[in-house]
Amino acid sequence: MTEDSGIIKKQGDTFKTANESVIFKQQNVWYYTSPNGDRVGPFRYQSEARSSLEQFLSQLKDRLSIE
């Protein structure tokens, strides 16, 4: 297992984050699961899925710190 920016490589084209979100490839496009289990995507590149997930988590943290 290798760690890169909070994303831990699990197996093949599947990555699991510290918050239990998963980035995965299906039919040549990338998706991620949000912390509540919703599938988000498709993204053409794994880097786009990762960036979108990071942005989503950042917005979620901001919302939680405001409330």
N, C-alpha and C. Protein backbone atom coordinates (compact mmCIF):
# COMPACT_ATOMS: atom_id res chain seq x y z
N MET A 1 0.84 -1.19 0.00
CA MET A 1 0.00 0.00 0.00
C MET A 1 0.88 1.25 0.00
N THR A 2 0.57 2.17 -0.87
CA THR A 2 1.30 3.42 -0.89
C THR A 2 0.35 4.56 -0.60
N GLU A 3 0.88 5.59 0.04
CA GLU A 3 0.04 6.73 0.40
C GLU A 3 0.46 7.95 -0.40
N ASP A 4 -0.51 8.70 -0.91
CA ASP A 4 -0.24 9.87 -1.71
C ASP A 4 -1.34 10.89 -1.46
N SER A 5 -1.04 12.00 -0.80
CA SER A 5 -2.02 13.06 -0.52
C SER A 5 -3.26 12.54 0.19
N GLY A 6 -3.10 11.64 1.14
CA GLY A 6 -4.25 11.14 1.87
C GLY A 6 -5.00 10.04 1.17
N ILE A 7 -4.56 9.64 -0.02
CA ILE A 7 -5.22 8.57 -0.75
C ILE A 7 -4.32 7.35 -0.70
N ILE A 8 -4.86 6.27 -0.25
CA ILE A 8 -4.10 5.03 -0.09
C ILE A 8 -4.45 4.09 -1.23
N LYS A 9 -3.45 3.64 -1.98
CA LYS A 9 -3.71 2.71 -3.07
C LYS A 9 -4.08 1.37 -2.48
N LYS A 10 -5.22 0.86 -2.90
CA LYS A 10 -5.72 -0.40 -2.35
C LYS A 10 -5.40 -1.56 -3.27
N GLN A 11 -6.02 -1.59 -4.45
CA GLN A 11 -5.78 -2.66 -5.42
C GLN A 11 -6.06 -2.13 -6.82
N GLY A 12 -5.21 -2.46 -7.75
CA GLY A 12 -5.45 -2.11 -9.14
C GLY A 12 -5.84 -0.66 -9.34
N ASP A 13 -7.02 -0.44 -9.89
CA ASP A 13 -7.52 0.90 -10.17
C ASP A 13 -8.49 1.39 -9.09
N THR A 14 -8.32 0.95 -7.86
CA THR A 14 -9.18 1.38 -6.76
C THR A 14 -8.34 2.02 -5.68
N PHE A 15 -8.76 3.19 -5.23
CA PHE A 15 -8.05 3.93 -4.20
C PHE A 15 -9.03 4.22 -3.07
N LYS A 16 -8.56 4.13 -1.84
CA LYS A 16 -9.41 4.39 -0.68
C LYS A 16 -8.79 5.53 0.12
N THR A 17 -9.60 6.50 0.51
CA THR A 17 -9.11 7.64 1.27
C THR A 17 -9.26 7.39 2.77
N ALA A 18 -8.65 8.26 3.55
CA ALA A 18 -8.72 8.13 5.00
C ALA A 18 -10.15 8.25 5.52
N ASN A 19 -11.03 8.93 4.79
CA ASN A 19 -12.41 9.09 5.25
C ASN A 19 -13.33 8.02 4.68
N GLU A 20 -12.76 6.96 4.12
CA GLU A 20 -13.50 5.81 3.60
C GLU A 20 -14.14 6.07 2.23
N SER A 21 -13.85 7.19 1.58
CA SER A 21 -14.30 7.38 0.20
C SER A 21 -13.42 6.52 -0.69
N VAL A 22 -13.96 6.13 -1.84
CA VAL A 22 -13.23 5.26 -2.75
C VAL A 22 -13.23 5.89 -4.14
N ILE A 23 -12.05 5.92 -4.79
CA ILE A 23 -11.93 6.34 -6.18
C ILE A 23 -11.70 5.07 -6.99
N PHE A 24 -12.50 4.87 -8.02
CA PHE A 24 -12.38 3.63 -8.78
C PHE A 24 -12.66 3.85 -10.26
N LYS A 25 -12.16 2.93 -11.08
CA LYS A 25 -12.33 2.98 -12.52
C LYS A 25 -13.32 1.91 -12.94
N GLN A 26 -14.28 2.32 -13.78
CA GLN A 26 -15.28 1.39 -14.27
C GLN A 26 -15.57 1.74 -15.72
N GLN A 27 -15.44 0.80 -16.62
CA GLN A 27 -15.65 1.00 -18.05
C GLN A 27 -14.87 2.20 -18.58
N ASN A 28 -13.60 2.27 -18.21
CA ASN A 28 -12.65 3.28 -18.70
C ASN A 28 -12.93 4.70 -18.26
N VAL A 29 -13.76 4.91 -17.26
CA VAL A 29 -13.95 6.23 -16.66
C VAL A 29 -13.86 6.08 -15.15
N TRP A 30 -13.62 7.20 -14.46
CA TRP A 30 -13.38 7.20 -13.03
C TRP A 30 -14.58 7.75 -12.26
N TYR A 31 -14.79 7.22 -11.07
CA TYR A 31 -15.83 7.65 -10.15
C TYR A 31 -15.23 7.72 -8.75
N TYR A 32 -15.96 8.37 -7.86
CA TYR A 32 -15.63 8.23 -6.44
C TYR A 32 -16.92 8.08 -5.65
N THR A 33 -16.80 7.50 -4.50
CA THR A 33 -17.94 7.42 -3.60
C THR A 33 -17.76 8.50 -2.55
N SER A 34 -18.83 9.22 -2.28
CA SER A 34 -18.80 10.22 -1.23
C SER A 34 -18.82 9.52 0.12
N PRO A 35 -18.54 10.25 1.21
CA PRO A 35 -18.55 9.60 2.52
C PRO A 35 -19.88 8.91 2.86
N ASN A 36 -20.99 9.37 2.28
CA ASN A 36 -22.27 8.72 2.56
C ASN A 36 -22.59 7.59 1.59
N GLY A 37 -21.65 7.30 0.67
CA GLY A 37 -21.80 6.15 -0.22
C GLY A 37 -22.34 6.45 -1.61
N ASP A 38 -22.66 7.71 -1.91
CA ASP A 38 -23.14 8.06 -3.25
C ASP A 38 -21.99 7.98 -4.26
N ARG A 39 -22.29 7.50 -5.46
CA ARG A 39 -21.30 7.43 -6.53
C ARG A 39 -21.33 8.74 -7.31
N VAL A 40 -20.16 9.34 -7.51
CA VAL A 40 -20.05 10.63 -8.21
C VAL A 40 -19.14 10.42 -9.43
N GLY A 41 -19.58 10.93 -10.57
CA GLY A 41 -18.79 10.79 -11.79
C GLY A 41 -19.73 10.66 -12.96
N PRO A 42 -19.25 10.36 -14.10
CA PRO A 42 -17.90 9.88 -14.42
C PRO A 42 -16.93 11.01 -14.67
N PHE A 43 -15.65 10.69 -14.52
CA PHE A 43 -14.55 11.58 -14.82
C PHE A 43 -13.65 10.87 -15.83
N ARG A 44 -13.12 11.63 -16.76
CA ARG A 44 -12.27 11.03 -17.79
C ARG A 44 -10.95 10.53 -17.19
N TYR A 45 -10.42 11.27 -16.21
CA TYR A 45 -9.12 10.92 -15.64
C TYR A 45 -9.23 10.73 -14.13
N GLN A 46 -8.35 9.89 -13.61
CA GLN A 46 -8.32 9.65 -12.17
C GLN A 46 -8.01 10.95 -11.42
N SER A 47 -7.15 11.78 -11.98
CA SER A 47 -6.80 13.04 -11.34
C SER A 47 -8.02 13.97 -11.21
N GLU A 48 -8.92 13.92 -12.17
CA GLU A 48 -10.15 14.73 -12.08
C GLU A 48 -11.04 14.22 -10.96
N ALA A 49 -11.15 12.92 -10.83
CA ALA A 49 -11.97 12.36 -9.74
C ALA A 49 -11.37 12.73 -8.39
N ARG A 50 -10.05 12.63 -8.28
CA ARG A 50 -9.37 12.97 -7.02
C ARG A 50 -9.57 14.44 -6.67
N SER A 51 -9.40 15.31 -7.66
CA SER A 51 -9.56 16.75 -7.44
C SER A 51 -10.99 17.08 -7.02
N SER A 52 -11.96 16.48 -7.68
CA SER A 52 -13.36 16.71 -7.34
C SER A 52 -13.66 16.23 -5.93
N LEU A 53 -13.14 15.07 -5.56
CA LEU A 53 -13.35 14.55 -4.21
C LEU A 53 -12.72 15.46 -3.17
N GLU A 54 -11.50 15.93 -3.43
CA GLU A 54 -10.83 16.83 -2.50
C GLU A 54 -11.62 18.13 -2.33
N GLN A 55 -12.15 18.66 -3.43
CA GLN A 55 -12.96 19.88 -3.37
C GLN A 55 -14.24 19.63 -2.57
N PHE A 56 -14.90 18.50 -2.82
CA PHE A 56 -16.11 18.15 -2.10
C PHE A 56 -15.84 18.06 -0.59
N LEU A 57 -14.76 17.38 -0.22
CA LEU A 57 -14.44 17.23 1.20
C LEU A 57 -14.09 18.56 1.84
N SER A 58 -13.40 19.42 1.10
CA SER A 58 -13.07 20.75 1.62
C SER A 58 -14.33 21.57 1.88
N GLN A 59 -15.27 21.53 0.94
CA GLN A 59 -16.53 22.25 1.11
C GLN A 59 -17.32 21.69 2.30
N LEU A 60 -17.30 20.38 2.44
CA LEU A 60 -18.00 19.74 3.55
C LEU A 60 -17.40 20.16 4.89
N LYS A 61 -16.07 20.18 4.98
CA LYS A 61 -15.41 20.61 6.21
C LYS A 61 -15.74 22.05 6.53
N ASP A 62 -15.76 22.92 5.49
CA ASP A 62 -16.11 24.33 5.69
C ASP A 62 -17.52 24.47 6.23
N ARG A 63 -18.45 23.71 5.69
CA ARG A 63 -19.85 23.76 6.14
C ARG A 63 -19.98 23.29 7.58
N LEU A 64 -19.25 22.27 7.92
CA LEU A 64 -19.32 21.74 9.28
C LEU A 64 -18.71 22.69 10.30
N SER A 65 -17.68 23.41 9.92
CA SER A 65 -17.04 24.33 10.86
C SER A 65 -17.88 25.60 11.05
N ILE A 66 -18.75 25.93 10.09
CA ILE A 66 -19.62 27.10 10.21
C ILE A 66 -20.77 26.82 11.14
N GLU A 67 -21.33 25.63 11.07
CA GLU A 67 -22.53 25.29 11.84
C GLU A 67 -22.23 25.06 13.29
